[in-house]
PDB file of all heavy atoms in Angstrom:
ATOM      1  N   ILE A   1       6.498  11.324 -16.470  1.00  0.00           N
ATOM      2  CA  ILE A   1       7.826  11.596 -15.945  1.00  0.00           C
ATOM      3  C   ILE A   1       7.941  11.034 -14.488  1.00  0.00           C
ATOM      4  O   ILE A   1       7.078  11.311 -13.686  1.00  0.00           O
ATOM      5  CB  ILE A   1       8.173  13.132 -15.922  1.00  0.00           C
ATOM      6  CG1 ILE A   1       8.083  13.604 -17.351  1.00  0.00           C
ATOM      7  CG2 ILE A   1       9.536  13.343 -15.320  1.00  0.00           C
ATOM      8  CD1 ILE A   1       8.243  15.110 -17.444  1.00  0.00           C
ATOM      9  N   THR A   2       9.014  10.264 -14.250  1.00  0.00           N
ATOM     10  CA  THR A   2       9.215   9.758 -12.940  1.00  0.00           C
ATOM     11  C   THR A   2      10.351  10.576 -12.240  1.00  0.00           C
ATOM     12  O   THR A   2      11.323  10.793 -12.856  1.00  0.00           O
ATOM     13  CB  THR A   2       9.554   8.267 -12.898  1.00  0.00           C
ATOM     14  OG1 THR A   2      10.709   8.100 -13.696  1.00  0.00           O
ATOM     15  CG2 THR A   2       8.410   7.479 -13.459  1.00  0.00           C
ATOM     16  N   VAL A   3      10.104  10.918 -11.037  1.00  0.00           N
ATOM     17  CA  VAL A   3      11.036  11.647 -10.286  1.00  0.00           C
ATOM     18  C   VAL A   3      11.699  10.790  -9.207  1.00  0.00           C
ATOM     19  O   VAL A   3      10.920  10.063  -8.508  1.00  0.00           O
ATOM     20  CB  VAL A   3      10.395  12.915  -9.586  1.00  0.00           C
ATOM     21  CG1 VAL A   3      11.397  13.690  -8.780  1.00  0.00           C
ATOM     22  CG2 VAL A   3       9.695  13.781 -10.623  1.00  0.00           C
ATOM     23  N   PRO A   4      13.041  10.687  -9.199  1.00  0.00           N
ATOM     24  CA  PRO A   4      13.596   9.795  -8.227  1.00  0.00           C
ATOM     25  C   PRO A   4      13.259  10.240  -6.767  1.00  0.00           C
ATOM     26  O   PRO A   4      13.230  11.409  -6.442  1.00  0.00           O
ATOM     27  CB  PRO A   4      15.095   9.913  -8.472  1.00  0.00           C
ATOM     28  CG  PRO A   4      15.280  11.101  -9.335  1.00  0.00           C
ATOM     29  CD  PRO A   4      14.002  11.337  -9.992  1.00  0.00           C
ATOM     30  N   VAL A   5      12.992   9.255  -5.984  1.00  0.00           N
ATOM     31  CA  VAL A   5      12.629   9.559  -4.533  1.00  0.00           C
ATOM     32  C   VAL A   5      13.975   9.845  -3.832  1.00  0.00           C
ATOM     33  O   VAL A   5      14.942   9.157  -4.010  1.00  0.00           O
ATOM     34  CB  VAL A   5      12.002   8.379  -3.932  1.00  0.00           C
ATOM     35  CG1 VAL A   5      11.701   8.576  -2.461  1.00  0.00           C
ATOM     36  CG2 VAL A   5      10.659   8.008  -4.645  1.00  0.00           C
ATOM     37  N   ALA A   6      13.938  10.912  -3.040  1.00  0.00           N
ATOM     38  CA  ALA A   6      15.146  11.249  -2.231  1.00  0.00           C
ATOM     39  C   ALA A   6      15.437  10.117  -1.242  1.00  0.00           C
ATOM     40  O   ALA A   6      14.548   9.561  -0.591  1.00  0.00           O
ATOM     41  CB  ALA A   6      14.861  12.534  -1.455  1.00  0.00           C
ATOM     42  N   ALA A   7      16.722   9.857  -1.154  1.00  0.00           N
ATOM     43  CA  ALA A   7      17.155   8.771  -0.232  1.00  0.00           C
ATOM     44  C   ALA A   7      16.967   9.285   1.204  1.00  0.00           C
ATOM     45  O   ALA A   7      17.313  10.437   1.484  1.00  0.00           O
ATOM     46  CB  ALA A   7      18.584   8.442  -0.487  1.00  0.00           C
ATOM     47  N   LYS A   8      16.501   8.421   2.106  1.00  0.00           N
ATOM     48  CA  LYS A   8      16.408   8.831   3.490  1.00  0.00           C
ATOM     49  C   LYS A   8      17.817   8.762   4.105  1.00  0.00           C
ATOM     50  O   LYS A   8      18.524   7.739   3.945  1.00  0.00           O
ATOM     51  CB  LYS A   8      15.456   7.888   4.257  1.00  0.00           C
ATOM     52  CG  LYS A   8      15.305   8.294   5.707  1.00  0.00           C
ATOM     53  CD  LYS A   8      14.288   7.492   6.374  1.00  0.00           C
ATOM     54  CE  LYS A   8      14.195   7.945   7.810  1.00  0.00           C
ATOM     55  NZ  LYS A   8      13.298   7.129   8.615  1.00  0.00           N
ATOM     56  N   LEU A   9      18.185   9.798   4.796  1.00  0.00           N
ATOM     57  CA  LEU A   9      19.483   9.825   5.444  1.00  0.00           C
ATOM     58  C   LEU A   9      19.315   9.639   6.950  1.00  0.00           C
ATOM     59  O   LEU A   9      18.525  10.252   7.570  1.00  0.00           O
ATOM     60  CB  LEU A   9      20.169  11.206   5.138  1.00  0.00           C
ATOM     61  CG  LEU A   9      20.470  11.455   3.637  1.00  0.00           C
ATOM     62  CD1 LEU A   9      20.997  12.867   3.479  1.00  0.00           C
ATOM     63  CD2 LEU A   9      21.372  10.512   3.058  1.00  0.00           C
ATOM     64  N   LEU A  10      20.138   8.824   7.459  1.00  0.00           N
ATOM     65  CA  LEU A  10      20.077   8.451   8.936  1.00  0.00           C
ATOM     66  C   LEU A  10      21.294   9.071   9.624  1.00  0.00           C
ATOM     67  O   LEU A  10      22.357   9.155   9.060  1.00  0.00           O
ATOM     68  CB  LEU A  10      20.135   6.982   9.111  1.00  0.00           C
ATOM     69  CG  LEU A  10      19.092   6.168   8.442  1.00  0.00           C
ATOM     70  CD1 LEU A  10      19.431   4.666   8.575  1.00  0.00           C
ATOM     71  CD2 LEU A  10      17.724   6.479   8.989  1.00  0.00           C
ATOM     72  N   THR A  11      21.121   9.522  10.866  1.00  0.00           N
ATOM     73  CA  THR A  11      22.275   9.931  11.737  1.00  0.00           C
ATOM     74  C   THR A  11      23.030   8.676  12.082  1.00  0.00           C
ATOM     75  O   THR A  11      22.593   7.524  12.034  1.00  0.00           O
ATOM     76  CB  THR A  11      21.812  10.663  12.981  1.00  0.00           C
ATOM     77  OG1 THR A  11      21.072   9.748  13.775  1.00  0.00           O
ATOM     78  CG2 THR A  11      20.906  11.800  12.590  1.00  0.00           C
ATOM     79  N   THR A  12      24.311   8.890  12.537  1.00  0.00           N
ATOM     80  CA  THR A  12      25.036   7.696  13.033  1.00  0.00           C
ATOM     81  C   THR A  12      24.383   7.094  14.260  1.00  0.00           C
ATOM     82  O   THR A  12      24.458   5.903  14.415  1.00  0.00           O
ATOM     83  CB  THR A  12      26.441   8.180  13.400  1.00  0.00           C
ATOM     84  OG1 THR A  12      26.382   9.288  14.351  1.00  0.00           O
ATOM     85  CG2 THR A  12      27.274   8.665  12.183  1.00  0.00           C
ATOM     86  N   ARG A  13      23.764   7.770  15.010  1.00  0.00           N
ATOM     87  CA  ARG A  13      22.997   7.301  16.175  1.00  0.00           C
ATOM     88  C   ARG A  13      21.843   6.442  15.740  1.00  0.00           C
ATOM     89  O   ARG A  13      21.557   5.306  16.261  1.00  0.00           O
ATOM     90  CB  ARG A  13      22.554   8.388  17.084  1.00  0.00           C
ATOM     91  CG  ARG A  13      22.075   7.866  18.430  1.00  0.00           C
ATOM     92  CD  ARG A  13      21.960   8.915  19.446  1.00  0.00           C
ATOM     93  NE  ARG A  13      23.343   9.472  19.651  1.00  0.00           N
ATOM     94  CZ  ARG A  13      23.704   9.935  20.770  1.00  0.00           C
ATOM     95  NH1 ARG A  13      22.953   9.994  21.793  1.00  0.00           N
ATOM     96  NH2 ARG A  13      24.976  10.466  20.909  1.00  0.00           N
ATOM     97  N   GLU A  14      21.058   6.906  14.741  1.00  0.00           N
ATOM     98  CA  GLU A  14      20.020   6.028  14.230  1.00  0.00           C
ATOM     99  C   GLU A  14      20.492   4.760  13.571  1.00  0.00           C
ATOM    100  O   GLU A  14      19.879   3.712  13.782  1.00  0.00           O
ATOM    101  CB  GLU A  14      19.160   6.845  13.119  1.00  0.00           C
ATOM    102  CG  GLU A  14      18.407   8.020  13.715  1.00  0.00           C
ATOM    103  CD  GLU A  14      17.828   8.913  12.646  1.00  0.00           C
ATOM    104  OE1 GLU A  14      18.498   9.102  11.561  1.00  0.00           O
ATOM    105  OE2 GLU A  14      16.755   9.489  12.902  1.00  0.00           O
ATOM    106  N   ALA A  15      21.627   4.897  12.879  1.00  0.00           N
ATOM    107  CA  ALA A  15      22.160   3.675  12.309  1.00  0.00           C
ATOM    108  C   ALA A  15      22.684   2.702  13.352  1.00  0.00           C
ATOM    109  O   ALA A  15      22.537   1.514  13.255  1.00  0.00           O
ATOM    110  CB  ALA A  15      23.447   4.078  11.394  1.00  0.00           C
ATOM    111  N   SER A  16      23.242   3.271  14.409  1.00  0.00           N
ATOM    112  CA  SER A  16      23.674   2.472  15.541  1.00  0.00           C
ATOM    113  C   SER A  16      22.514   1.670  16.161  1.00  0.00           C
ATOM    114  O   SER A  16      22.620   0.465  16.434  1.00  0.00           O
ATOM    115  CB  SER A  16      24.275   3.336  16.617  1.00  0.00           C
ATOM    116  OG  SER A  16      24.794   2.573  17.664  1.00  0.00           O
ATOM    117  N   VAL A  17      21.359   2.299  16.327  1.00  0.00           N
ATOM    118  CA  VAL A  17      20.186   1.629  16.839  1.00  0.00           C
ATOM    119  C   VAL A  17      19.743   0.493  15.928  1.00  0.00           C
ATOM    120  O   VAL A  17      19.416  -0.592  16.370  1.00  0.00           O
ATOM    121  CB  VAL A  17      19.030   2.654  17.086  1.00  0.00           C
ATOM    122  CG1 VAL A  17      17.696   1.933  17.343  1.00  0.00           C
ATOM    123  CG2 VAL A  17      19.402   3.611  18.230  1.00  0.00           C
ATOM    124  N   ARG A  18      19.706   0.788  14.665  1.00  0.00           N
ATOM    125  CA  ARG A  18      19.332  -0.247  13.660  1.00  0.00           C
ATOM    126  C   ARG A  18      20.212  -1.419  13.642  1.00  0.00           C
ATOM    127  O   ARG A  18      19.809  -2.576  13.356  1.00  0.00           O
ATOM    128  CB  ARG A  18      19.160   0.369  12.262  1.00  0.00           C
ATOM    129  CG  ARG A  18      18.081   1.375  12.139  1.00  0.00           C
ATOM    130  CD  ARG A  18      17.344   1.245  10.923  1.00  0.00           C
ATOM    131  NE  ARG A  18      16.320   2.259  10.807  1.00  0.00           N
ATOM    132  CZ  ARG A  18      15.855   2.654   9.655  1.00  0.00           C
ATOM    133  NH1 ARG A  18      16.349   2.195   8.518  1.00  0.00           N
ATOM    134  NH2 ARG A  18      14.951   3.609   9.606  1.00  0.00           N
ATOM    135  N   LEU A  19      21.456  -1.192  13.897  1.00  0.00           N
ATOM    136  CA  LEU A  19      22.505  -2.258  13.930  1.00  0.00           C
ATOM    137  C   LEU A  19      22.446  -3.057  15.235  1.00  0.00           C
ATOM    138  O   LEU A  19      23.035  -4.054  15.419  1.00  0.00           O
ATOM    139  CB  LEU A  19      23.845  -1.742  13.661  1.00  0.00           C
ATOM    140  CG  LEU A  19      24.143  -1.256  12.287  1.00  0.00           C
ATOM    141  CD1 LEU A  19      25.459  -0.462  12.141  1.00  0.00           C
ATOM    142  CD2 LEU A  19      24.151  -2.428  11.292  1.00  0.00           C
ATOM    143  N   GLY A  20      21.708  -2.477  16.193  1.00  0.00           N
ATOM    144  CA  GLY A  20      21.545  -3.157  17.462  1.00  0.00           C
ATOM    145  C   GLY A  20      22.728  -2.977  18.433  1.00  0.00           C
ATOM    146  O   GLY A  20      22.918  -3.732  19.352  1.00  0.00           O
ATOM    147  N   TYR A  21      23.488  -1.914  18.221  1.00  0.00           N
ATOM    148  CA  TYR A  21      24.636  -1.646  19.119  1.00  0.00           C
ATOM    149  C   TYR A  21      24.104  -1.107  20.426  1.00  0.00           C
ATOM    150  O   TYR A  21      23.183  -0.338  20.447  1.00  0.00           O
ATOM    151  CB  TYR A  21      25.581  -0.651  18.462  1.00  0.00           C
ATOM    152  CG  TYR A  21      26.331  -1.169  17.309  1.00  0.00           C
ATOM    153  CD1 TYR A  21      26.723  -0.294  16.277  1.00  0.00           C
ATOM    154  CD2 TYR A  21      26.558  -2.528  17.114  1.00  0.00           C
ATOM    155  CE1 TYR A  21      27.424  -0.759  15.152  1.00  0.00           C
ATOM    156  CE2 TYR A  21      27.262  -2.984  16.000  1.00  0.00           C
ATOM    157  CZ  TYR A  21      27.645  -2.077  15.047  1.00  0.00           C
ATOM    158  OH  TYR A  21      28.309  -2.574  13.898  1.00  0.00           O
ATOM    159  N   GLN A  22      24.661  -1.549  21.525  1.00  0.00           N
ATOM    160  CA  GLN A  22      24.246  -1.180  22.831  1.00  0.00           C
ATOM    161  C   GLN A  22      24.763   0.205  23.364  1.00  0.00           C
ATOM    162  O   GLN A  22      24.189   0.774  24.161  1.00  0.00           O
ATOM    163  CB  GLN A  22      24.616  -2.250  23.842  1.00  0.00           C
ATOM    164  CG  GLN A  22      24.016  -3.615  23.546  1.00  0.00           C
ATOM    165  CD  GLN A  22      22.535  -3.602  23.625  1.00  0.00           C
ATOM    166  OE1 GLN A  22      21.926  -2.963  24.517  1.00  0.00           O
ATOM    167  NE2 GLN A  22      21.868  -4.267  22.719  1.00  0.00           N
ATOM    168  N   SER A  23      25.816   0.647  22.765  1.00  0.00           N
ATOM    169  CA  SER A  23      26.511   1.873  23.228  1.00  0.00           C
ATOM    170  C   SER A  23      25.555   3.062  22.952  1.00  0.00           C
ATOM    171  O   SER A  23      24.781   3.129  22.061  1.00  0.00           O
ATOM    172  CB  SER A  23      27.767   2.027  22.453  1.00  0.00           C
ATOM    173  OG  SER A  23      28.370   3.287  22.770  1.00  0.00           O
ATOM    174  N   LYS A  24      25.719   4.015  23.870  1.00  0.00           N
ATOM    175  CA  LYS A  24      24.900   5.244  23.802  1.00  0.00           C
ATOM    176  C   LYS A  24      25.462   6.173  22.702  1.00  0.00           C
ATOM    177  O   LYS A  24      24.898   7.174  22.327  1.00  0.00           O
ATOM    178  CB  LYS A  24      24.765   5.948  25.097  1.00  0.00           C
ATOM    179  CG  LYS A  24      23.931   5.199  26.067  1.00  0.00           C
ATOM    180  CD  LYS A  24      23.775   5.962  27.313  1.00  0.00           C
ATOM    181  CE  LYS A  24      22.858   5.199  28.323  1.00  0.00           C
ATOM    182  NZ  LYS A  24      22.626   5.923  29.523  1.00  0.00           N
ATOM    183  N   THR A  25      26.727   5.927  22.358  1.00  0.00           N
ATOM    184  CA  THR A  25      27.365   6.716  21.320  1.00  0.00           C
ATOM    185  C   THR A  25      27.374   6.036  19.980  1.00  0.00           C
ATOM    186  O   THR A  25      26.975   4.830  19.920  1.00  0.00           O
ATOM    187  CB  THR A  25      28.827   7.067  21.744  1.00  0.00           C
ATOM    188  OG1 THR A  25      29.563   5.794  21.740  1.00  0.00           O
ATOM    189  CG2 THR A  25      28.923   7.727  23.072  1.00  0.00           C
ATOM    190  N   ALA A  26      27.847   6.703  18.969  1.00  0.00           N
ATOM    191  CA  ALA A  26      27.780   6.145  17.603  1.00  0.00           C
ATOM    192  C   ALA A  26      29.206   5.800  17.108  1.00  0.00           C
ATOM    193  O   ALA A  26      29.471   5.657  15.942  1.00  0.00           O
ATOM    194  CB  ALA A  26      27.125   7.143  16.667  1.00  0.00           C
ATOM    195  N   HIS A  27      30.101   5.569  18.117  1.00  0.00           N
ATOM    196  CA  HIS A  27      31.516   5.285  17.720  1.00  0.00           C
ATOM    197  C   HIS A  27      31.674   4.074  16.817  1.00  0.00           C
ATOM    198  O   HIS A  27      32.509   3.933  15.987  1.00  0.00           O
ATOM    199  CB  HIS A  27      32.418   5.176  18.967  1.00  0.00           C
ATOM    200  CG  HIS A  27      32.568   6.455  19.690  1.00  0.00           C
ATOM    201  ND1 HIS A  27      33.248   7.522  19.142  1.00  0.00           N
ATOM    202  CD2 HIS A  27      32.080   6.903  20.866  1.00  0.00           C
ATOM    203  CE1 HIS A  27      33.204   8.554  19.964  1.00  0.00           C
ATOM    204  NE2 HIS A  27      32.478   8.190  21.046  1.00  0.00           N
ATOM    205  N   SER A  28      30.872   3.007  17.124  1.00  0.00           N
ATOM    206  CA  SER A  28      31.007   1.805  16.314  1.00  0.00           C
ATOM    207  C   SER A  28      30.578   2.018  14.872  1.00  0.00           C
ATOM    208  O   SER A  28      31.224   1.493  13.953  1.00  0.00           O
ATOM    209  CB  SER A  28      30.064   0.705  16.953  1.00  0.00           C
ATOM    210  OG  SER A  28      30.424   0.440  18.227  1.00  0.00           O
ATOM    211  N   VAL A  29      29.556   2.857  14.637  1.00  0.00           N
ATOM    212  CA  VAL A  29      29.236   3.238  13.252  1.00  0.00           C
ATOM    213  C   VAL A  29      30.280   3.998  12.594  1.00  0.00           C
ATOM    214  O   VAL A  29      30.651   3.843  11.442  1.00  0.00           O
ATOM    215  CB  VAL A  29      27.828   3.951  13.231  1.00  0.00           C
ATOM    216  CG1 VAL A  29      27.542   4.523  11.893  1.00  0.00           C
ATOM    217  CG2 VAL A  29      26.750   3.028  13.759  1.00  0.00           C
ATOM    218  N   LEU A  30      30.926   4.965  13.366  1.00  0.00           N
ATOM    219  CA  LEU A  30      31.996   5.715  12.770  1.00  0.00           C
ATOM    220  C   LEU A  30      33.153   4.875  12.387  1.00  0.00           C
ATOM    221  O   LEU A  30      33.834   5.113  11.433  1.00  0.00           O
ATOM    222  CB  LEU A  30      32.437   6.796  13.811  1.00  0.00           C
ATOM    223  CG  LEU A  30      31.373   7.872  14.078  1.00  0.00           C
ATOM    224  CD1 LEU A  30      31.891   8.843  15.209  1.00  0.00           C
ATOM    225  CD2 LEU A  30      31.109   8.648  12.899  1.00  0.00           C
ATOM    226  N   ARG A  31      33.435   3.820  13.188  1.00  0.00           N
ATOM    227  CA  ARG A  31      34.533   2.886  12.859  1.00  0.00           C
ATOM    228  C   ARG A  31      34.232   2.167  11.497  1.00  0.00           C
ATOM    229  O   ARG A  31      35.086   2.045  10.650  1.00  0.00           O
ATOM    230  CB  ARG A  31      34.724   1.858  13.942  1.00  0.00           C
ATOM    231  CG  ARG A  31      35.708   2.350  14.938  1.00  0.00           C
ATOM    232  CD  ARG A  31      36.093   1.206  15.959  1.00  0.00           C
ATOM    233  NE  ARG A  31      35.632   1.692  17.296  1.00  0.00           N
ATOM    234  CZ  ARG A  31      34.856   1.136  18.051  1.00  0.00           C
ATOM    235  NH1 ARG A  31      34.318   0.011  17.774  1.00  0.00           N
ATOM    236  NH2 ARG A  31      34.532   1.645  19.212  1.00  0.00           N
ATOM    237  N   LEU A  32      32.956   1.817  11.285  1.00  0.00           N
ATOM    238  CA  LEU A  32      32.550   1.099  10.068  1.00  0.00           C
ATOM    239  C   LEU A  32      32.750   2.040   8.910  1.00  0.00           C
ATOM    240  O   LEU A  32      33.242   1.640   7.844  1.00  0.00           O
ATOM    241  CB  LEU A  32      31.090   0.719  10.114  1.00  0.00           C
ATOM    242  CG  LEU A  32      30.695  -0.458  11.096  1.00  0.00           C
ATOM    243  CD1 LEU A  32      29.180  -0.623  11.094  1.00  0.00           C
ATOM    244  CD2 LEU A  32      31.424  -1.728  10.636  1.00  0.00           C
ATOM    245  N   ILE A  33      32.438   3.316   9.070  1.00  0.00           N
ATOM    246  CA  ILE A  33      32.590   4.326   7.996  1.00  0.00           C
ATOM    247  C   ILE A  33      34.136   4.564   7.718  1.00  0.00           C
ATOM    248  O   ILE A  33      34.529   4.601   6.553  1.00  0.00           O
ATOM    249  CB  ILE A  33      31.932   5.655   8.454  1.00  0.00           C
ATOM    250  CG1 ILE A  33      30.405   5.444   8.486  1.00  0.00           C
ATOM    251  CG2 ILE A  33      32.299   6.768   7.489  1.00  0.00           C
ATOM    252  CD1 ILE A  33      29.666   6.613   9.144  1.00  0.00           C
ATOM    253  N   LYS A  34      34.908   4.691   8.794  1.00  0.00           N
ATOM    254  CA  LYS A  34      36.353   4.907   8.572  1.00  0.00           C
ATOM    255  C   LYS A  34      37.038   3.749   7.915  1.00  0.00           C
ATOM    256  O   LYS A  34      37.954   3.926   7.131  1.00  0.00           O
ATOM    257  CB  LYS A  34      37.070   5.212   9.945  1.00  0.00           C
ATOM    258  CG  LYS A  34      36.804   6.521  10.454  1.00  0.00           C
ATOM    259  CD  LYS A  34      37.547   6.809  11.682  1.00  0.00           C
ATOM    260  CE  LYS A  34      37.252   8.234  12.252  1.00  0.00           C
ATOM    261  NZ  LYS A  34      38.055   8.542  13.417  1.00  0.00           N
ATOM    262  N   ARG A  35      36.566   2.516   8.160  1.00  0.00           N
ATOM    263  CA  ARG A  35      37.137   1.346   7.530  1.00  0.00           C
ATOM    264  C   ARG A  35      36.627   1.122   6.104  1.00  0.00           C
ATOM    265  O   ARG A  35      37.074   0.205   5.438  1.00  0.00           O
ATOM    266  CB  ARG A  35      36.842   0.114   8.344  1.00  0.00           C
ATOM    267  CG  ARG A  35      37.624   0.047   9.677  1.00  0.00           C
ATOM    268  CD  ARG A  35      37.476  -1.260  10.377  1.00  0.00           C
ATOM    269  NE  ARG A  35      36.135  -1.624  10.604  1.00  0.00           N
ATOM    270  CZ  ARG A  35      35.633  -2.204  11.662  1.00  0.00           C
ATOM    271  NH1 ARG A  35      36.493  -2.419  12.732  1.00  0.00           N
ATOM    272  NH2 ARG A  35      34.372  -2.560  11.807  1.00  0.00           N
ATOM    273  N   GLY A  36      35.688   1.943   5.709  1.00  0.00           N
ATOM    274  CA  GLY A  36      35.130   1.774   4.405  1.00  0.00           C
ATOM    275  C   GLY A  36      34.098   0.750   4.251  1.00  0.00           C
ATOM    276  O   GLY A  36      33.689   0.388   3.107  1.00  0.00           O
ATOM    277  N   GLU A  37      33.579   0.159   5.359  1.00  0.00           N
ATOM    278  CA  GLU A  37      32.622  -0.889   5.255  1.00  0.00           C
ATOM    279  C   GLU A  37      31.142  -0.309   5.138  1.00  0.00           C
ATOM    280  O   GLU A  37      30.304  -1.043   4.605  1.00  0.00           O
ATOM    281  CB  GLU A  37      32.664  -1.727   6.553  1.00  0.00           C
ATOM    282  CG  GLU A  37      33.991  -2.449   6.717  1.00  0.00           C
ATOM    283  CD  GLU A  37      33.984  -3.280   8.016  1.00  0.00           C
ATOM    284  OE1 GLU A  37      32.944  -3.801   8.398  1.00  0.00           O
ATOM    285  OE2 GLU A  37      35.092  -3.311   8.647  1.00  0.00           O
TER     286      GLU A  37
END
């Protein structure tokens, strides 16, 4: 039996760092989420 591996969940700040955004806040990531991207 194979059990699906739980997906790793990132905070908006962690996602911001991975995207290379310079801002100290995660507003750019929030905009991407609001636009459905």
